[in-house]
N, C-alpha and C. Protein backbone atom coordinates (compact mmCIF):
# COMPACT_ATOMS: atom_id res chain seq x y z
N UNK A 1 131.23 114.33 120.71
CA UNK A 1 130.36 115.48 120.63
C UNK A 1 131.15 116.65 120.05
N UNK A 2 130.48 117.41 119.23
CA UNK A 2 131.10 118.61 118.69
C UNK A 2 131.17 119.68 119.77
N UNK A 3 132.19 120.51 119.64
CA UNK A 3 132.30 121.67 120.51
C UNK A 3 132.46 122.90 119.63
N UNK A 4 132.23 124.03 120.24
CA UNK A 4 132.44 125.28 119.54
C UNK A 4 133.52 126.04 120.31
N UNK A 5 134.50 126.51 119.58
CA UNK A 5 135.64 127.21 120.18
C UNK A 5 135.48 128.70 119.88
N UNK A 6 135.50 129.50 120.94
CA UNK A 6 135.28 130.93 120.82
C UNK A 6 136.52 131.67 121.30
N UNK A 7 137.05 132.54 120.44
CA UNK A 7 138.18 133.38 120.80
C UNK A 7 137.68 134.80 121.03
N UNK A 8 137.99 135.33 122.20
CA UNK A 8 137.55 136.67 122.56
C UNK A 8 138.65 137.68 122.25
N UNK A 9 138.26 138.93 122.12
CA UNK A 9 139.22 139.98 121.76
C UNK A 9 140.28 140.19 122.84
N UNK A 10 140.00 139.76 124.08
CA UNK A 10 141.00 139.89 125.15
C UNK A 10 141.98 138.72 125.18
N UNK A 11 141.84 137.78 124.22
CA UNK A 11 142.74 136.64 124.14
C UNK A 11 142.21 135.37 124.79
N UNK A 12 141.15 135.47 125.58
CA UNK A 12 140.57 134.27 126.19
C UNK A 12 140.00 133.37 125.10
N UNK A 13 140.18 132.06 125.29
CA UNK A 13 139.62 131.07 124.38
C UNK A 13 138.81 130.09 125.21
N UNK A 14 137.56 129.89 124.83
CA UNK A 14 136.68 128.93 125.51
C UNK A 14 136.18 127.91 124.51
N UNK A 15 135.97 126.69 125.01
CA UNK A 15 135.30 125.66 124.22
C UNK A 15 134.06 125.25 124.99
N UNK A 16 132.96 125.09 124.28
CA UNK A 16 131.70 124.72 124.90
C UNK A 16 131.02 123.67 124.03
N UNK A 17 130.26 122.76 124.66
CA UNK A 17 129.58 121.73 123.89
C UNK A 17 128.52 122.31 122.96
N UNK A 18 128.47 121.80 121.77
CA UNK A 18 127.47 122.20 120.78
C UNK A 18 126.34 121.17 120.86
N UNK A 19 125.49 121.35 121.85
CA UNK A 19 124.44 120.38 122.16
C UNK A 19 123.20 120.62 121.29
N UNK A 20 122.32 119.63 121.22
CA UNK A 20 121.07 119.84 120.51
C UNK A 20 120.28 121.03 121.07
N UNK A 21 120.33 121.24 122.38
CA UNK A 21 119.63 122.39 122.97
C UNK A 21 120.17 123.70 122.41
N UNK A 22 121.48 123.82 122.31
CA UNK A 22 122.10 125.03 121.77
C UNK A 22 121.64 125.26 120.34
N UNK A 23 121.70 124.22 119.53
CA UNK A 23 121.34 124.33 118.11
C UNK A 23 119.87 124.69 117.95
N UNK A 24 118.99 124.01 118.70
CA UNK A 24 117.55 124.28 118.59
C UNK A 24 117.19 125.68 119.07
N UNK A 25 117.77 126.11 120.19
CA UNK A 25 117.45 127.45 120.68
C UNK A 25 117.97 128.53 119.75
N UNK A 26 119.11 128.30 119.13
CA UNK A 26 119.63 129.26 118.15
C UNK A 26 118.69 129.34 116.95
N UNK A 27 118.18 128.19 116.52
CA UNK A 27 117.25 128.17 115.39
C UNK A 27 115.94 128.88 115.75
N UNK A 28 115.42 128.61 116.94
CA UNK A 28 114.18 129.27 117.38
C UNK A 28 114.37 130.79 117.47
N UNK A 29 115.52 131.21 117.98
CA UNK A 29 115.82 132.64 118.09
C UNK A 29 115.82 133.28 116.70
N UNK A 30 116.44 132.62 115.74
CA UNK A 30 116.51 133.14 114.37
C UNK A 30 115.12 133.24 113.75
N UNK A 31 114.30 132.22 113.97
CA UNK A 31 112.95 132.23 113.41
C UNK A 31 112.09 133.32 114.05
N UNK A 32 112.19 133.47 115.37
CA UNK A 32 111.39 134.47 116.07
C UNK A 32 111.74 135.89 115.63
N UNK A 33 112.99 136.09 115.26
CA UNK A 33 113.43 137.42 114.83
C UNK A 33 113.39 137.59 113.32
N UNK A 34 112.84 136.57 112.65
CA UNK A 34 112.67 136.59 111.20
C UNK A 34 113.98 136.81 110.44
N UNK A 35 115.05 136.18 110.96
CA UNK A 35 116.31 136.21 110.23
C UNK A 35 116.11 135.41 108.95
N UNK A 36 116.89 135.70 107.95
CA UNK A 36 116.79 134.98 106.68
C UNK A 36 117.09 133.50 106.90
N UNK A 37 116.42 132.67 106.13
CA UNK A 37 116.59 131.23 106.27
C UNK A 37 117.91 130.76 105.65
N UNK A 38 118.37 129.62 106.15
CA UNK A 38 119.55 128.96 105.56
C UNK A 38 120.81 129.79 105.62
N UNK A 39 121.56 129.76 104.53
CA UNK A 39 122.86 130.43 104.48
C UNK A 39 122.76 131.95 104.46
N UNK A 40 121.59 132.49 104.26
CA UNK A 40 121.45 133.94 104.16
C UNK A 40 121.79 134.67 105.46
N UNK A 41 121.69 133.99 106.59
CA UNK A 41 122.07 134.61 107.87
C UNK A 41 122.97 133.68 108.67
N UNK A 42 123.78 132.89 107.99
CA UNK A 42 124.61 131.89 108.68
C UNK A 42 125.62 132.50 109.63
N UNK A 43 126.17 133.67 109.32
CA UNK A 43 127.14 134.29 110.22
C UNK A 43 126.46 134.69 111.52
N UNK A 44 125.33 135.35 111.41
CA UNK A 44 124.58 135.76 112.60
C UNK A 44 124.18 134.53 113.42
N UNK A 45 123.72 133.49 112.75
CA UNK A 45 123.32 132.27 113.45
C UNK A 45 124.50 131.60 114.13
N UNK A 46 125.66 131.59 113.48
CA UNK A 46 126.85 130.96 114.07
C UNK A 46 127.28 131.69 115.34
N UNK A 47 127.27 133.02 115.30
CA UNK A 47 127.65 133.77 116.49
C UNK A 47 126.64 133.56 117.61
N UNK A 48 125.36 133.55 117.29
CA UNK A 48 124.36 133.36 118.34
C UNK A 48 124.46 131.96 118.93
N UNK A 49 124.74 130.96 118.09
CA UNK A 49 124.91 129.60 118.58
C UNK A 49 126.13 129.52 119.51
N UNK A 50 127.21 130.20 119.15
CA UNK A 50 128.40 130.23 120.00
C UNK A 50 128.09 130.89 121.34
N UNK A 51 127.32 131.98 121.29
CA UNK A 51 126.92 132.66 122.52
C UNK A 51 126.13 131.72 123.43
N UNK A 52 125.14 131.04 122.86
CA UNK A 52 124.34 130.12 123.66
C UNK A 52 125.19 128.99 124.23
N UNK A 53 126.13 128.48 123.45
CA UNK A 53 126.99 127.40 123.93
C UNK A 53 127.77 127.86 125.16
N UNK A 54 128.34 129.06 125.11
CA UNK A 54 129.06 129.58 126.27
C UNK A 54 128.11 129.85 127.43
N UNK A 55 126.95 130.38 127.15
CA UNK A 55 125.98 130.69 128.20
C UNK A 55 125.53 129.42 128.92
N UNK A 56 125.16 128.39 128.16
CA UNK A 56 124.69 127.14 128.77
C UNK A 56 125.81 126.41 129.51
N UNK A 57 127.05 126.60 129.07
CA UNK A 57 128.20 125.99 129.75
C UNK A 57 128.68 126.86 130.92
N UNK A 58 127.96 127.94 131.19
CA UNK A 58 128.27 128.87 132.28
C UNK A 58 129.65 129.50 132.12
N UNK A 59 130.01 129.80 130.86
CA UNK A 59 131.28 130.46 130.57
C UNK A 59 131.10 131.96 130.34
N UNK A 60 129.85 132.43 130.30
CA UNK A 60 129.58 133.86 130.18
C UNK A 60 128.29 134.21 130.91
N UNK A 61 128.27 135.41 131.44
CA UNK A 61 127.04 135.95 132.04
C UNK A 61 126.62 137.22 131.30
N UNK A 62 127.37 137.58 130.28
CA UNK A 62 127.07 138.79 129.50
C UNK A 62 125.80 138.61 128.68
N UNK A 63 125.13 139.74 128.39
CA UNK A 63 124.03 139.64 127.44
C UNK A 63 124.63 139.51 126.04
N UNK A 64 123.80 139.15 125.08
CA UNK A 64 124.32 138.83 123.74
C UNK A 64 125.08 140.00 123.10
N UNK A 65 124.54 141.21 123.19
CA UNK A 65 125.21 142.35 122.56
C UNK A 65 126.59 142.60 123.16
N UNK A 66 126.69 142.54 124.49
CA UNK A 66 127.99 142.74 125.14
C UNK A 66 128.95 141.61 124.77
N UNK A 67 128.43 140.38 124.74
CA UNK A 67 129.26 139.23 124.37
C UNK A 67 129.78 139.39 122.95
N UNK A 68 128.90 139.77 122.03
CA UNK A 68 129.27 139.92 120.63
C UNK A 68 130.36 140.97 120.44
N UNK A 69 130.31 142.03 121.23
CA UNK A 69 131.34 143.07 121.15
C UNK A 69 132.71 142.56 121.59
N UNK A 70 132.75 141.46 122.34
CA UNK A 70 134.02 140.94 122.85
C UNK A 70 134.53 139.71 122.15
N UNK A 71 133.95 139.35 121.02
CA UNK A 71 134.37 138.15 120.28
C UNK A 71 135.21 138.57 119.09
N UNK A 72 136.31 137.85 118.88
CA UNK A 72 137.17 138.11 117.72
C UNK A 72 136.39 137.78 116.45
N UNK A 73 136.62 138.55 115.40
CA UNK A 73 135.88 138.36 114.15
C UNK A 73 136.06 136.95 113.58
N UNK A 74 137.21 136.35 113.78
CA UNK A 74 137.45 134.97 113.33
C UNK A 74 137.39 134.02 114.51
N UNK A 75 136.64 134.39 115.54
CA UNK A 75 136.72 133.68 116.80
C UNK A 75 135.76 132.55 117.03
N UNK A 76 135.03 132.09 116.03
CA UNK A 76 134.09 130.99 116.22
C UNK A 76 134.47 129.84 115.30
N UNK A 77 134.76 128.70 115.91
CA UNK A 77 135.19 127.53 115.14
C UNK A 77 134.51 126.29 115.72
N UNK A 78 133.83 125.53 114.88
CA UNK A 78 133.19 124.29 115.32
C UNK A 78 134.20 123.17 115.18
N UNK A 79 134.37 122.42 116.27
CA UNK A 79 135.34 121.33 116.29
C UNK A 79 134.63 120.04 116.65
N UNK A 80 135.24 118.93 116.28
CA UNK A 80 134.70 117.64 116.65
C UNK A 80 134.78 116.69 115.49
N UNK A 81 134.52 115.46 115.78
CA UNK A 81 134.59 114.46 114.73
C UNK A 81 133.21 113.90 114.46
N UNK A 82 132.98 113.63 113.23
CA UNK A 82 131.74 112.97 112.83
C UNK A 82 132.01 111.48 112.79
N UNK A 83 131.11 110.71 113.32
CA UNK A 83 131.24 109.28 113.18
C UNK A 83 130.67 108.88 111.84
N UNK A 84 131.37 108.04 111.14
CA UNK A 84 130.92 107.60 109.83
C UNK A 84 130.23 106.26 110.00
N UNK A 85 128.94 106.27 109.84
CA UNK A 85 128.16 105.04 110.02
C UNK A 85 128.31 104.12 108.83
N UNK A 86 128.90 104.59 107.77
CA UNK A 86 129.06 103.75 106.60
C UNK A 86 127.76 103.64 105.83
N UNK A 87 127.78 102.82 104.85
CA UNK A 87 126.60 102.60 104.02
C UNK A 87 125.74 101.53 104.68
N UNK A 88 124.53 101.87 105.10
CA UNK A 88 123.69 100.88 105.79
C UNK A 88 123.25 99.73 104.89
N UNK A 89 123.46 99.84 103.58
CA UNK A 89 123.05 98.75 102.70
C UNK A 89 124.18 97.78 102.41
N UNK A 90 125.39 98.07 102.93
CA UNK A 90 126.52 97.15 102.70
C UNK A 90 126.38 95.90 103.52
């Protein structure tokens, strides 16, 4: 499973699972707020997804604005390995 690694301005580093629930809720949040589609708002979407990952993993109780103020600008990194299913026609 992929995880998202978040570095906070106070030096704390957390890793949280990047679950389908996190991804879907981040997408719904972006659509409800009429954020630009696709890459046009990818930075905002990445930070919100990181926030949800920490929230669902019970690593933060802060609201989004307070959380965002405490995240390092380069503090969001998606980690994990992709399984390569290969070519299904081989």
